Amino acid sequence: MNPPDAWNPLREFTDARIALGRSGASLPTREVLNFGLAHARARDAIHQPFASDQLVQPLAELGLSTLTVRSAASDRHVYLNRPDLGRQLNEESRADLAASGARPADLLLVIGDGLSSYA
């Protein structure tokens, strides 16, 4: 009889891969496959384009003004290699922001896709 695993109760508090079990010196096949699937989904999410139109249109219908800007990272490949460019506006967006006549606001929402537009 195996003693109870002290890690099992902690699984309900985290999505971390703990208390997965063992199959000899390795993980059970199901857990290896689950990890592979999660990794593939994460890679797919990184390359999924961000559809800002789906956010802008409903906000415009509510009478709210929006301004869509882009970072200096021209695409995901550039961003993954140069994350610092993701923290800077590109020249066109800088000009758009300056021309927008932005004024002080009570509320400002900033929505960005970061690495995953699914997030």
PDB file of N, CA and C in Angstrom:
ATOM      1  N   MET A   1       0.846  -1.188   0.000  1.00  0.00           N
ATOM      2  CA  MET A   1       0.000   0.000   0.000  1.00  0.00           C
ATOM      3  C   MET A   1       0.891   1.250   0.000  1.00  0.00           C
ATOM      4  N   ASN A   2       0.600   2.168  -0.895  1.00  0.00           N
ATOM      5  CA  ASN A   2       1.373   3.405  -0.988  1.00  0.00           C
ATOM      6  C   ASN A   2       0.844   4.442  -0.011  1.00  0.00           C
ATOM      7  N   PRO A   3       1.735   5.175   0.643  1.00  0.00           N
ATOM      8  CA  PRO A   3       1.266   6.264   1.519  1.00  0.00           C
ATOM      9  C   PRO A   3       0.661   7.378   0.673  1.00  0.00           C
ATOM     10  N   PRO A   4      -0.298   8.133   1.229  1.00  0.00           N
ATOM     11  CA  PRO A   4      -0.888   9.223   0.448  1.00  0.00           C
ATOM     12  C   PRO A   4       0.162  10.276   0.096  1.00  0.00           C
ATOM     13  N   ASP A   5       0.042  10.811  -1.097  1.00  0.00           N
ATOM     14  CA  ASP A   5       0.979  11.826  -1.579  1.00  0.00           C
ATOM     15  C   ASP A   5       0.564  13.178  -1.004  1.00  0.00           C
ATOM     16  N   ALA A   6       1.480  13.838  -0.312  1.00  0.00           N
ATOM     17  CA  ALA A   6       1.177  15.125   0.328  1.00  0.00           C
ATOM     18  C   ALA A   6       0.911  16.230  -0.689  1.00  0.00           C
ATOM     19  N   TRP A   7       1.328  16.049  -1.950  1.00  0.00           N
ATOM     20  CA  TRP A   7       1.132  17.074  -2.979  1.00  0.00           C
ATOM     21  C   TRP A   7      -0.288  17.062  -3.555  1.00  0.00           C
ATOM     22  N   ASN A   8      -0.954  15.936  -3.532  1.00  0.00           N
ATOM     23  CA  ASN A   8      -2.276  15.819  -4.170  1.00  0.00           C
ATOM     24  C   ASN A   8      -3.286  16.864  -3.703  1.00  0.00           C
ATOM     25  N   PRO A   9      -3.418  17.123  -2.410  1.00  0.00           N
ATOM     26  CA  PRO A   9      -4.400  18.140  -2.003  1.00  0.00           C
ATOM     27  C   PRO A   9      -4.092  19.538  -2.547  1.00  0.00           C
ATOM     28  N   LEU A  10      -2.829  19.805  -2.858  1.00  0.00           N
ATOM     29  CA  LEU A  10      -2.456  21.133  -3.354  1.00  0.00           C
ATOM     30  C   LEU A  10      -2.884  21.366  -4.796  1.00  0.00           C
ATOM     31  N   ARG A  11      -3.208  20.317  -5.524  1.00  0.00           N
ATOM     32  CA  ARG A  11      -3.601  20.464  -6.933  1.00  0.00           C
ATOM     33  C   ARG A  11      -4.843  21.331  -7.110  1.00  0.00           C
ATOM     34  N   GLU A  12      -5.726  21.338  -6.122  1.00  0.00           N
ATOM     35  CA  GLU A  12      -6.951  22.127  -6.256  1.00  0.00           C
ATOM     36  C   GLU A  12      -6.694  23.631  -6.153  1.00  0.00           C
ATOM     37  N   PHE A  13      -5.516  24.029  -5.709  1.00  0.00           N
ATOM     38  CA  PHE A  13      -5.193  25.445  -5.539  1.00  0.00           C
ATOM     39  C   PHE A  13      -4.331  26.023  -6.643  1.00  0.00           C
ATOM     40  N   THR A  14      -3.919  25.208  -7.602  1.00  0.00           N
ATOM     41  CA  THR A  14      -2.999  25.703  -8.624  1.00  0.00           C
ATOM     42  C   THR A  14      -3.179  24.950  -9.942  1.00  0.00           C
ATOM     43  N   ASP A  15      -2.837  25.636 -11.032  1.00  0.00           N
ATOM     44  CA  ASP A  15      -2.807  24.984 -12.334  1.00  0.00           C
ATOM     45  C   ASP A  15      -1.417  24.420 -12.620  1.00  0.00           C
ATOM     46  N   ALA A  16      -0.496  24.615 -11.665  1.00  0.00           N
ATOM     47  CA  ALA A  16       0.863  24.112 -11.855  1.00  0.00           C
ATOM     48  C   ALA A  16       0.826  22.592 -11.992  1.00  0.00           C
ATOM     49  N   ARG A  17       1.774  22.070 -12.699  1.00  0.00           N
ATOM     50  CA  ARG A  17       1.847  20.630 -12.935  1.00  0.00           C
ATOM     51  C   ARG A  17       2.562  19.957 -11.767  1.00  0.00           C
ATOM     52  N   ILE A  18       1.798  19.748 -10.686  1.00  0.00           N
ATOM     53  CA  ILE A  18       2.339  19.074  -9.509  1.00  0.00           C
ATOM     54  C   ILE A  18       1.554  17.797  -9.278  1.00  0.00           C
ATOM     55  N   ALA A  19       2.156  16.874  -8.557  1.00  0.00           N
ATOM     56  CA  ALA A  19       1.513  15.599  -8.204  1.00  0.00           C
ATOM     57  C   ALA A  19       0.961  14.895  -9.445  1.00  0.00           C
ATOM     58  N   LEU A  20       1.798  14.764 -10.457  1.00  0.00           N
ATOM     59  CA  LEU A  20       1.374  14.165 -11.718  1.00  0.00           C
ATOM     60  C   LEU A  20       1.437  12.647 -11.695  1.00  0.00           C
ATOM     61  N   GLY A  21       2.132  12.103 -10.743  1.00  0.00           N
ATOM     62  CA  GLY A  21       2.279  10.654 -10.674  1.00  0.00           C
ATOM     63  C   GLY A  21       3.566  10.212 -11.355  1.00  0.00           C
ATOM     64  N   ARG A  22       3.778   8.925 -11.355  1.00  0.00           N
ATOM     65  CA  ARG A  22       4.987   8.374 -11.970  1.00  0.00           C
ATOM     66  C   ARG A  22       4.654   7.107 -12.726  1.00  0.00           C
ATOM     67  N   SER A  23       5.449   6.884 -13.725  1.00  0.00           N
ATOM     68  CA  SER A  23       5.408   5.627 -14.469  1.00  0.00           C
ATOM     69  C   SER A  23       6.859   5.183 -14.579  1.00  0.00           C
ATOM     70  N   GLY A  24       7.293   4.404 -13.634  1.00  0.00           N
ATOM     71  CA  GLY A  24       8.708   4.065 -13.544  1.00  0.00           C
ATOM     72  C   GLY A  24       9.469   5.314 -13.137  1.00  0.00           C
ATOM     73  N   ALA A  25      10.483   5.676 -13.910  1.00  0.00           N
ATOM     74  CA  ALA A  25      11.275   6.866 -13.602  1.00  0.00           C
ATOM     75  C   ALA A  25      10.758   8.091 -14.349  1.00  0.00           C
ATOM     76  N   SER A  26       9.645   7.964 -15.042  1.00  0.00           N
ATOM     77  CA  SER A  26       9.131   9.050 -15.865  1.00  0.00           C
ATOM     78  C   SER A  26       7.721   9.429 -15.435  1.00  0.00           C
ATOM     79  N   LEU A  27       7.144  10.357 -16.175  1.00  0.00           N
ATOM     80  CA  LEU A  27       5.753  10.764 -15.951  1.00  0.00           C
ATOM     81  C   LEU A  27       4.812   9.788 -16.653  1.00  0.00           C
ATOM     82  N   PRO A  28       3.583   9.684 -16.182  1.00  0.00           N
ATOM     83  CA  PRO A  28       2.610   8.867 -16.909  1.00  0.00           C
ATOM     84  C   PRO A  28       2.390   9.415 -18.328  1.00  0.00           C
ATOM     85  N   THR A  29       2.106   8.542 -19.262  1.00  0.00           N
ATOM     86  CA  THR A  29       1.923   8.926 -20.662  1.00  0.00           C
ATOM     87  C   THR A  29       0.888  10.030 -20.807  1.00  0.00           C
ATOM     88  N   ARG A  30      -0.214   9.940 -20.079  1.00  0.00           N
ATOM     89  CA  ARG A  30      -1.268  10.963 -20.172  1.00  0.00           C
ATOM     90  C   ARG A  30      -0.715  12.345 -19.838  1.00  0.00           C
ATOM     91  N   GLU A  31       0.116  12.442 -18.818  1.00  0.00           N
ATOM     92  CA  GLU A  31       0.665  13.747 -18.421  1.00  0.00           C
ATOM     93  C   GLU A  31       1.660  14.272 -19.445  1.00  0.00           C
ATOM     94  N   VAL A  32       2.437  13.383 -20.047  1.00  0.00           N
ATOM     95  CA  VAL A  32       3.359  13.806 -21.104  1.00  0.00           C
ATOM     96  C   VAL A  32       2.567  14.345 -22.293  1.00  0.00           C
ATOM     97  N   LEU A  33       1.494  13.654 -22.660  1.00  0.00           N
ATOM     98  CA  LEU A  33       0.656  14.102 -23.776  1.00  0.00           C
ATOM     99  C   LEU A  33      -0.062  15.409 -23.440  1.00  0.00           C
ATOM    100  N   ASN A  34      -0.541  15.554 -22.201  1.00  0.00           N
ATOM    101  CA  ASN A  34      -1.197  16.803 -21.785  1.00  0.00           C
ATOM    102  C   ASN A  34      -0.234  17.984 -21.864  1.00  0.00           C
ATOM    103  N   PHE A  35       1.011  17.764 -21.472  1.00  0.00           N
ATOM    104  CA  PHE A  35       2.007  18.827 -21.547  1.00  0.00           C
ATOM    105  C   PHE A  35       2.274  19.207 -23.005  1.00  0.00           C
ATOM    106  N   GLY A  36       2.398  18.208 -23.865  1.00  0.00           N
ATOM    107  CA  GLY A  36       2.617  18.482 -25.285  1.00  0.00           C
ATOM    108  C   GLY A  36       1.471  19.269 -25.892  1.00  0.00           C
ATOM    109  N   LEU A  37       0.237  18.918 -25.520  1.00  0.00           N
ATOM    110  CA  LEU A  37      -0.937  19.637 -26.021  1.00  0.00           C
ATOM    111  C   LEU A  37      -0.953  21.084 -25.516  1.00  0.00           C
ATOM    112  N   ALA A  38      -0.667  21.280 -24.238  1.00  0.00           N
ATOM    113  CA  ALA A  38      -0.641  22.630 -23.676  1.00  0.00           C
ATOM    114  C   ALA A  38       0.439  23.476 -24.347  1.00  0.00           C
ATOM    115  N   HIS A  39       1.563  22.875 -24.614  1.00  0.00           N
ATOM    116  CA  HIS A  39       2.654  23.593 -25.279  1.00  0.00           C
ATOM    117  C   HIS A  39       2.256  23.987 -26.700  1.00  0.00           C
ATOM    118  N   ALA A  40       1.628  23.082 -27.421  1.00  0.00           N
ATOM    119  CA  ALA A  40       1.176  23.376 -28.790  1.00  0.00           C
ATOM    120  C   ALA A  40       0.129  24.488 -28.785  1.00  0.00           C
ATOM    121  N   ARG A  41      -0.795  24.460 -27.837  1.00  0.00           N
ATOM    122  CA  ARG A  41      -1.813  25.523 -27.750  1.00  0.00           C
ATOM    123  C   ARG A  41      -1.173  26.871 -27.435  1.00  0.00           C
ATOM    124  N   ALA A  42      -0.175  26.873 -26.573  1.00  0.00           N
ATOM    125  CA  ALA A  42       0.514  28.128 -26.242  1.00  0.00           C
ATOM    126  C   ALA A  42       1.229  28.684 -27.471  1.00  0.00           C
ATOM    127  N   ARG A  43       1.867  27.818 -28.235  1.00  0.00           N
ATOM    128  CA  ARG A  43       2.550  28.275 -29.457  1.00  0.00           C
ATOM    129  C   ARG A  43       1.539  28.828 -30.460  1.00  0.00           C
ATOM    130  N   ASP A  44       0.396  28.160 -30.599  1.00  0.00           N
ATOM    131  CA  ASP A  44      -0.644  28.654 -31.503  1.00  0.00           C
ATOM    132  C   ASP A  44      -1.166  30.011 -31.046  1.00  0.00           C
ATOM    133  N   ALA A  45      -1.349  30.171 -29.738  1.00  0.00           N
ATOM    134  CA  ALA A  45      -1.883  31.426 -29.206  1.00  0.00           C
ATOM    135  C   ALA A  45      -0.938  32.583 -29.470  1.00  0.00           C
ATOM    136  N   ILE A  46       0.357  32.342 -29.400  1.00  0.00           N
ATOM    137  CA  ILE A  46       1.338  33.402 -29.635  1.00  0.00           C
ATOM    138  C   ILE A  46       1.243  33.933 -31.055  1.00  0.00           C
ATOM    139  N   HIS A  47       0.927  33.072 -31.992  1.00  0.00           N
ATOM    140  CA  HIS A  47       0.905  33.478 -33.395  1.00  0.00           C
ATOM    141  C   HIS A  47      -0.492  33.853 -33.896  1.00  0.00           C
ATOM    142  N   GLN A  48      -1.487  33.836 -33.035  1.00  0.00           N
ATOM    143  CA  GLN A  48      -2.845  34.232 -33.406  1.00  0.00           C
ATOM    144  C   GLN A  48      -2.910  35.748 -33.510  1.00  0.00           C
ATOM    145  N   PRO A  49      -3.381  36.296 -34.626  1.00  0.00           N
ATOM    146  CA  PRO A  49      -3.440  37.764 -34.754  1.00  0.00           C
ATOM    147  C   PRO A  49      -4.488  38.383 -33.818  1.00  0.00           C
ATOM    148  N   PHE A  50      -4.210  39.595 -33.411  1.00  0.00           N
ATOM    149  CA  PHE A  50      -5.114  40.355 -32.547  1.00  0.00           C
ATOM    150  C   PHE A  50      -6.107  41.105 -33.414  1.00  0.00           C
ATOM    151  N   ALA A  51      -7.391  40.868 -33.212  1.00  0.00           N
ATOM    152  CA  ALA A  51      -8.439  41.493 -34.025  1.00  0.00           C
ATOM    153  C   ALA A  51      -8.992  42.709 -33.281  1.00  0.00           C
ATOM    154  N   SER A  52      -8.301  43.833 -33.388  1.00  0.00           N
ATOM    155  CA  SER A  52      -8.722  45.036 -32.664  1.00  0.00           C
ATOM    156  C   SER A  52     -10.070  45.553 -33.153  1.00  0.00           C
ATOM    157  N   ASP A  53     -10.415  45.267 -34.421  1.00  0.00           N
ATOM    158  CA  ASP A  53     -11.706  45.718 -34.967  1.00  0.00           C
ATOM    159  C   ASP A  53     -12.877  45.192 -34.142  1.00  0.00           C
ATOM    160  N   GLN A  54     -12.725  44.000 -33.609  1.00  0.00           N
ATOM    161  CA  GLN A  54     -13.799  43.400 -32.819  1.00  0.00           C
ATOM    162  C   GLN A  54     -14.007  44.123 -31.499  1.00  0.00           C
ATOM    163  N   LEU A  55     -13.049  44.909 -31.065  1.00  0.00           N
ATOM    164  CA  LEU A  55     -13.197  45.730 -29.862  1.00  0.00           C
ATOM    165  C   LEU A  55     -13.591  47.151 -30.205  1.00  0.00           C
ATOM    166  N   VAL A  56     -13.018  47.685 -31.272  1.00  0.00           N
ATOM    167  CA  VAL A  56     -13.248  49.078 -31.644  1.00  0.00           C
ATOM    168  C   VAL A  56     -14.699  49.307 -32.066  1.00  0.00           C
ATOM    169  N   GLN A  57     -15.243  48.431 -32.881  1.00  0.00           N
ATOM    170  CA  GLN A  57     -16.596  48.628 -33.400  1.00  0.00           C
ATOM    171  C   GLN A  57     -17.659  48.731 -32.302  1.00  0.00           C
ATOM    172  N   PRO A  58     -17.728  47.797 -31.347  1.00  0.00           N
ATOM    173  CA  PRO A  58     -18.738  47.944 -30.292  1.00  0.00           C
ATOM    174  C   PRO A  58     -18.542  49.199 -29.439  1.00  0.00           C
ATOM    175  N   LEU A  59     -17.298  49.599 -29.219  1.00  0.00           N
ATOM    176  CA  LEU A  59     -17.052  50.823 -28.454  1.00  0.00           C
ATOM    177  C   LEU A  59     -17.530  52.046 -29.223  1.00  0.00           C
ATOM    178  N   ALA A  60     -17.303  52.057 -30.525  1.00  0.00           N
ATOM    179  CA  ALA A  60     -17.777  53.170 -31.364  1.00  0.00           C
ATOM    180  C   ALA A  60     -19.297  53.231 -31.355  1.00  0.00           C
ATOM    181  N   GLU A  61     -19.949  52.073 -31.367  1.00  0.00           N
ATOM    182  CA  GLU A  61     -21.416  52.038 -31.329  1.00  0.00           C
ATOM    183  C   GLU A  61     -21.951  52.608 -30.024  1.00  0.00           C
ATOM    184  N   LEU A  62     -21.143  52.563 -28.970  1.00  0.00           N
ATOM    185  CA  LEU A  62     -21.533  53.145 -27.685  1.00  0.00           C
ATOM    186  C   LEU A  62     -21.181  54.632 -27.603  1.00  0.00           C
ATOM    187  N   GLY A  63     -20.600  55.167 -28.675  1.00  0.00           N
ATOM    188  CA  GLY A  63     -20.223  56.573 -28.702  1.00  0.00           C
ATOM    189  C   GLY A  63     -18.895  56.861 -28.039  1.00  0.00           C
ATOM    190  N   LEU A  64     -18.105  55.837 -27.824  1.00  0.00           N
ATOM    191  CA  LEU A  64     -16.806  56.030 -27.189  1.00  0.00           C
ATOM    192  C   LEU A  64     -15.725  56.164 -28.253  1.00  0.00           C
ATOM    193  N   SER A  65     -14.834  57.105 -28.041  1.00  0.00           N
ATOM    194  CA  SER A  65     -13.761  57.288 -29.022  1.00  0.00           C
ATOM    195  C   SER A  65     -12.638  56.297 -28.735  1.00  0.00           C
ATOM    196  N   THR A  66     -12.014  55.859 -29.788  1.00  0.00           N
ATOM    197  CA  THR A  66     -10.905  54.915 -29.669  1.00  0.00           C
ATOM    198  C   THR A  66      -9.747  55.382 -30.545  1.00  0.00           C
ATOM    199  N   LEU A  67      -8.592  54.931 -30.196  1.00  0.00           N
ATOM    200  CA  LEU A  67      -7.400  55.193 -30.988  1.00  0.00           C
ATOM    201  C   LEU A  67      -6.580  53.908 -30.976  1.00  0.00           C
ATOM    202  N   THR A  68      -6.377  53.352 -32.147  1.00  0.00           N
ATOM    203  CA  THR A  68      -5.600  52.125 -32.267  1.00  0.00           C
ATOM    204  C   THR A  68      -4.179  52.482 -32.647  1.00  0.00           C
ATOM    205  N   VAL A  69      -3.242  51.991 -31.869  1.00  0.00           N
ATOM    206  CA  VAL A  69      -1.825  52.252 -32.135  1.00  0.00           C
ATOM    207  C   VAL A  69      -1.089  50.921 -32.256  1.00  0.00           C
ATOM    208  N   ARG A  70       0.086  50.988 -32.825  1.00  0.00           N
ATOM    209  CA  ARG A  70       0.918  49.797 -33.018  1.00  0.00           C
ATOM    210  C   ARG A  70       2.300  50.046 -32.429  1.00  0.00           C
ATOM    211  N   SER A  71       2.909  48.976 -32.011  1.00  0.00           N
ATOM    212  CA  SER A  71       4.255  49.100 -31.451  1.00  0.00           C
ATOM    213  C   SER A  71       5.295  49.140 -32.565  1.00  0.00           C
ATOM    214  N   ALA A  72       6.524  49.417 -32.168  1.00  0.00           N
ATOM    215  CA  ALA A  72       7.629  49.452 -33.126  1.00  0.00           C
ATOM    216  C   ALA A  72       8.005  48.047 -33.597  1.00  0.00           C
ATOM    217  N   ALA A  73       7.503  47.025 -32.932  1.00  0.00           N
ATOM    218  CA  ALA A  73       7.728  45.650 -33.397  1.00  0.00           C
ATOM    219  C   ALA A  73       6.717  45.389 -34.513  1.00  0.00           C
ATOM    220  N   SER A  74       7.191  45.253 -35.724  1.00  0.00           N
ATOM    221  CA  SER A  74       6.302  45.169 -36.883  1.00  0.00           C
ATOM    222  C   SER A  74       5.502  43.869 -36.950  1.00  0.00           C
ATOM    223  N   ASP A  75       5.981  42.822 -36.331  1.00  0.00           N
ATOM    224  CA  ASP A  75       5.255  41.557 -36.319  1.00  0.00           C
ATOM    225  C   ASP A  75       5.723  40.718 -35.132  1.00  0.00           C
ATOM    226  N   ARG A  76       5.099  39.564 -34.953  1.00  0.00           N
ATOM    227  CA  ARG A  76       5.415  38.706 -33.808  1.00  0.00           C
ATOM    228  C   ARG A  76       6.869  38.229 -33.823  1.00  0.00           C
ATOM    229  N   HIS A  77       7.363  37.920 -34.999  1.00  0.00           N
ATOM    230  CA  HIS A  77       8.741  37.450 -35.092  1.00  0.00           C
ATOM    231  C   HIS A  77       9.708  38.506 -34.557  1.00  0.00           C
ATOM    232  N   VAL A  78       9.505  39.740 -34.977  1.00  0.00           N
ATOM    233  CA  VAL A  78      10.349  40.839 -34.493  1.00  0.00           C
ATOM    234  C   VAL A  78      10.171  40.995 -32.993  1.00  0.00           C
ATOM    235  N   TYR A  79       8.926  40.945 -32.523  1.00  0.00           N
ATOM    236  CA  TYR A  79       8.643  41.116 -31.093  1.00  0.00           C
ATOM    237  C   TYR A  79       9.325  40.033 -30.254  1.00  0.00           C
ATOM    238  N   LEU A  80       9.277  38.785 -30.722  1.00  0.00           N
ATOM    239  CA  LEU A  80       9.894  37.699 -29.966  1.00  0.00           C
ATOM    240  C   LEU A  80      11.415  37.844 -29.907  1.00  0.00           C
ATOM    241  N   ASN A  81      11.986  38.441 -30.947  1.00  0.00           N
ATOM    242  CA  ASN A  81      13.428  38.653 -30.964  1.00  0.00           C
ATOM    243  C   ASN A  81      13.849  39.973 -30.319  1.00  0.00           C
ATOM    244  N   ARG A  82      12.948  40.953 -30.323  1.00  0.00           N
ATOM    245  CA  ARG A  82      13.248  42.276 -29.762  1.00  0.00           C
ATOM    246  C   ARG A  82      12.060  42.769 -28.931  1.00  0.00           C
ATOM    247  N   PRO A  83      11.846  42.186 -27.756  1.00  0.00           N
ATOM    248  CA  PRO A  83      10.694  42.605 -26.944  1.00  0.00           C
ATOM    249  C   PRO A  83      10.722  44.075 -26.549  1.00  0.00           C
ATOM    250  N   ASP A  84      11.901  44.702 -26.550  1.00  0.00           N
ATOM    251  CA  ASP A  84      11.974  46.122 -26.227  1.00  0.00           C
ATOM    252  C   ASP A  84      11.203  46.968 -27.235  1.00  0.00           C
ATOM    253  N   LEU A  85      11.115  46.514 -28.497  1.00  0.00           N
ATOM    254  CA  LEU A  85      10.357  47.262 -29.510  1.00  0.00           C
ATOM    255  C   LEU A  85       8.852  47.200 -29.239  1.00  0.00           C
ATOM    256  N   GLY A  86       8.425  46.194 -28.516  1.00  0.00           N
ATOM    257  CA  GLY A  86       7.015  46.091 -28.159  1.00  0.00           C
ATOM    258  C   GLY A  86       6.584  47.124 -27.137  1.00  0.00           C
ATOM    259  N   ARG A  87       7.541  47.775 -26.495  1.00  0.00           N
ATOM    260  CA  ARG A  87       7.240  48.809 -25.503  1.00  0.00           C
ATOM    261  C   ARG A  87       7.344  50.216 -26.076  1.00  0.00           C
ATOM    262  N   GLN A  88       7.525  50.318 -27.398  1.00  0.00           N
ATOM    263  CA  GLN A  88       7.648  51.619 -28.057  1.00  0.00           C
ATOM    264  C   GLN A  88       6.614  51.716 -29.178  1.00  0.00           C
ATOM    265  N   LEU A  89       6.059  52.902 -29.373  1.00  0.00           N
ATOM    266  CA  LEU A  89       5.134  53.108 -30.489  1.00  0.00           C
ATOM    267  C   LEU A  89       5.915  53.258 -31.785  1.00  0.00           C
ATOM    268  N   ASN A  90       5.308  52.799 -32.880  1.00  0.00           N
ATOM    269  CA  ASN A  90       5.944  53.052 -34.169  1.00  0.00           C
ATOM    270  C   ASN A  90       5.706  54.521 -34.538  1.00  0.00           C
ATOM    271  N   GLU A  91       6.407  54.998 -35.560  1.00  0.00           N
ATOM    272  CA  GLU A  91       6.345  56.427 -35.926  1.00  0.00           C
ATOM    273  C   GLU A  91       4.927  56.860 -36.302  1.00  0.00           C
ATOM    274  N   GLU A  92       4.233  56.036 -37.083  1.00  0.00           N
ATOM    275  CA  GLU A  92       2.860  56.382 -37.500  1.00  0.00           C
ATOM    276  C   GLU A  92       1.944  56.521 -36.287  1.00  0.00           C
ATOM    277  N   SER A  93       2.057  55.618 -35.335  1.00  0.00           N
ATOM    278  CA  SER A  93       1.217  55.685 -34.144  1.00  0.00           C
ATOM    279  C   SER A  93       1.549  56.901 -33.292  1.00  0.00           C
ATOM    280  N   ARG A  94       2.830  57.255 -33.219  1.00  0.00           N
ATOM    281  CA  ARG A  94       3.215  58.475 -32.495  1.00  0.00           C
ATOM    282  C   ARG A  94       2.564  59.691 -33.123  1.00  0.00           C
ATOM    283  N   ALA A  95       2.600  59.749 -34.460  1.00  0.00           N
ATOM    284  CA  ALA A  95       1.994  60.884 -35.165  1.00  0.00           C
ATOM    285  C   ALA A  95       0.480  60.902 -34.955  1.00  0.00           C
ATOM    286  N   ASP A  96      -0.169  59.734 -35.027  1.00  0.00           N
ATOM    287  CA  ASP A  96      -1.616  59.643 -34.810  1.00  0.00           C
ATOM    288  C   ASP A  96      -1.986  60.110 -33.403  1.00  0.00           C
ATOM    289  N   LEU A  97      -1.203  59.698 -32.426  1.00  0.00           N
ATOM    290  CA  LEU A  97      -1.464  60.090 -31.040  1.00  0.00           C
ATOM    291  C   LEU A  97      -1.309  61.592 -30.862  1.00  0.00           C
ATOM    292  N   ALA A  98      -0.269  62.158 -31.453  1.00  0.00           N
ATOM    293  CA  ALA A  98      -0.051  63.610 -31.357  1.00  0.00           C
ATOM    294  C   ALA A  98      -1.167  64.375 -32.059  1.00  0.00           C
ATOM    295  N   ALA A  99      -1.641  63.855 -33.197  1.00  0.00           N
ATOM    296  CA  ALA A  99      -2.685  64.535 -33.969  1.00  0.00           C
ATOM    297  C   ALA A  99      -4.077  64.334 -33.371  1.00  0.00           C
ATOM    298  N   SER A 100      -4.231  63.398 -32.479  1.00  0.00           N
ATOM    299  CA  SER A 100      -5.561  63.090 -31.945  1.00  0.00           C
ATOM    300  C   SER A 100      -6.075  64.175 -31.013  1.00  0.00           C
ATOM    301  N   GLY A 101      -5.195  65.050 -30.570  1.00  0.00           N
ATOM    302  CA  GLY A 101      -5.635  66.097 -29.647  1.00  0.00           C
ATOM    303  C   GLY A 101      -6.080  65.514 -28.328  1.00  0.00           C
ATOM    304  N   ALA A 102      -5.400  64.470 -27.897  1.00  0.00           N
ATOM    305  CA  ALA A 102      -5.765  63.803 -26.642  1.00  0.00           C
ATOM    306  C   ALA A 102      -5.831  64.820 -25.513  1.00  0.00           C
ATOM    307  N   ARG A 103      -6.845  64.677 -24.714  1.00  0.00           N
ATOM    308  CA  ARG A 103      -7.044  65.591 -23.589  1.00  0.00           C
ATOM    309  C   ARG A 103      -7.187  64.759 -22.313  1.00  0.00           C
ATOM    310  N   PRO A 104      -7.072  65.393 -21.163  1.00  0.00           N
ATOM    311  CA  PRO A 104      -7.226  64.648 -19.912  1.00  0.00           C
ATOM    312  C   PRO A 104      -8.567  63.918 -19.878  1.00  0.00           C
ATOM    313  N   ALA A 105      -8.558  62.734 -19.313  1.00  0.00           N
ATOM    314  CA  ALA A 105      -9.772  61.924 -19.271  1.00  0.00           C
ATOM    315  C   ALA A 105      -9.986  61.389 -17.865  1.00  0.00           C
ATOM    316  N   ASP A 106     -11.249  61.123 -17.540  1.00  0.00           N
ATOM    317  CA  ASP A 106     -11.575  60.504 -16.262  1.00  0.00           C
ATOM    318  C   ASP A 106     -11.250  59.008 -16.283  1.00  0.00           C
ATOM    319  N   LEU A 107     -11.324  58.435 -17.475  1.00  0.00           N
ATOM    320  CA  LEU A 107     -11.075  57.002 -17.604  1.00  0.00           C
ATOM    321  C   LEU A 107     -10.373  56.730 -18.925  1.00  0.00           C
ATOM    322  N   LEU A 108      -9.330  55.950 -18.873  1.00  0.00           N
ATOM    323  CA  LEU A 108      -8.594  55.570 -20.074  1.00  0.00           C
ATOM    324  C   LEU A 108      -8.363  54.069 -20.012  1.00  0.00           C
ATOM    325  N   LEU A 109      -8.814  53.366 -21.027  1.00  0.00           N
ATOM    326  CA  LEU A 109      -8.599  51.926 -21.103  1.00  0.00           C
ATOM    327  C   LEU A 109      -7.544  51.650 -22.147  1.00  0.00           C
ATOM    328  N   VAL A 110      -6.577  50.847 -21.782  1.00  0.00           N
ATOM    329  CA  VAL A 110      -5.543  50.424 -22.709  1.00  0.00           C
ATOM    330  C   VAL A 110      -5.658  48.915 -22.848  1.00  0.00           C
ATOM    331  N   ILE A 111      -5.874  48.466 -24.070  1.00  0.00           N
ATOM    332  CA  ILE A 111      -6.026  47.039 -24.332  1.00  0.00           C
ATOM    333  C   ILE A 111      -4.918  46.616 -25.277  1.00  0.00           C
ATOM    334  N   GLY A 112      -4.151  45.637 -24.881  1.00  0.00           N
ATOM    335  CA  GLY A 112      -3.062  45.147 -25.716  1.00  0.00           C
ATOM    336  C   GLY A 112      -3.075  43.640 -25.747  1.00  0.00           C
ATOM    337  N   ASP A 113      -2.514  43.088 -26.803  1.00  0.00           N
ATOM    338  CA  ASP A 113      -2.530  41.636 -26.905  1.00  0.00           C
ATOM    339  C   ASP A 113      -1.305  40.968 -26.314  1.00  0.00           C
ATOM    340  N   GLY A 114      -0.264  41.728 -25.989  1.00  0.00           N
ATOM    341  CA  GLY A 114       0.922  41.091 -25.425  1.00  0.00           C
ATOM    342  C   GLY A 114       1.384  39.975 -26.334  1.00  0.00           C
ATOM    343  N   LEU A 115       1.682  38.831 -25.786  1.00  0.00           N
ATOM    344  CA  LEU A 115       2.105  37.713 -26.620  1.00  0.00           C
ATOM    345  C   LEU A 115       0.934  36.869 -27.092  1.00  0.00           C
ATOM    346  N   SER A 116      -0.214  36.957 -26.421  1.00  0.00           N
ATOM    347  CA  SER A 116      -1.316  36.085 -26.785  1.00  0.00           C
ATOM    348  C   SER A 116      -2.600  36.882 -26.959  1.00  0.00           C
ATOM    349  N   SER A 117      -3.145  36.885 -28.161  1.00  0.00           N
ATOM    350  CA  SER A 117      -4.399  37.599 -28.378  1.00  0.00           C
ATOM    351  C   SER A 117      -5.569  36.838 -27.760  1.00  0.00           C
ATOM    352  N   TYR A 118      -5.388  35.551 -27.453  1.00  0.00           N
ATOM    353  CA  TYR A 118      -6.431  34.794 -26.759  1.00  0.00           C
ATOM    354  C   TYR A 118      -6.584  35.267 -25.321  1.00  0.00           C
ATOM    355  N   ALA A 119      -5.497  35.736 -24.754  1.00  0.00           N
ATOM    356  CA  ALA A 119      -5.540  36.194 -23.363  1.00  0.00           C
ATOM    357  C   ALA A 119      -6.389  37.419 -23.293  1.00  0.00           C
TER     358      ALA A 119
END
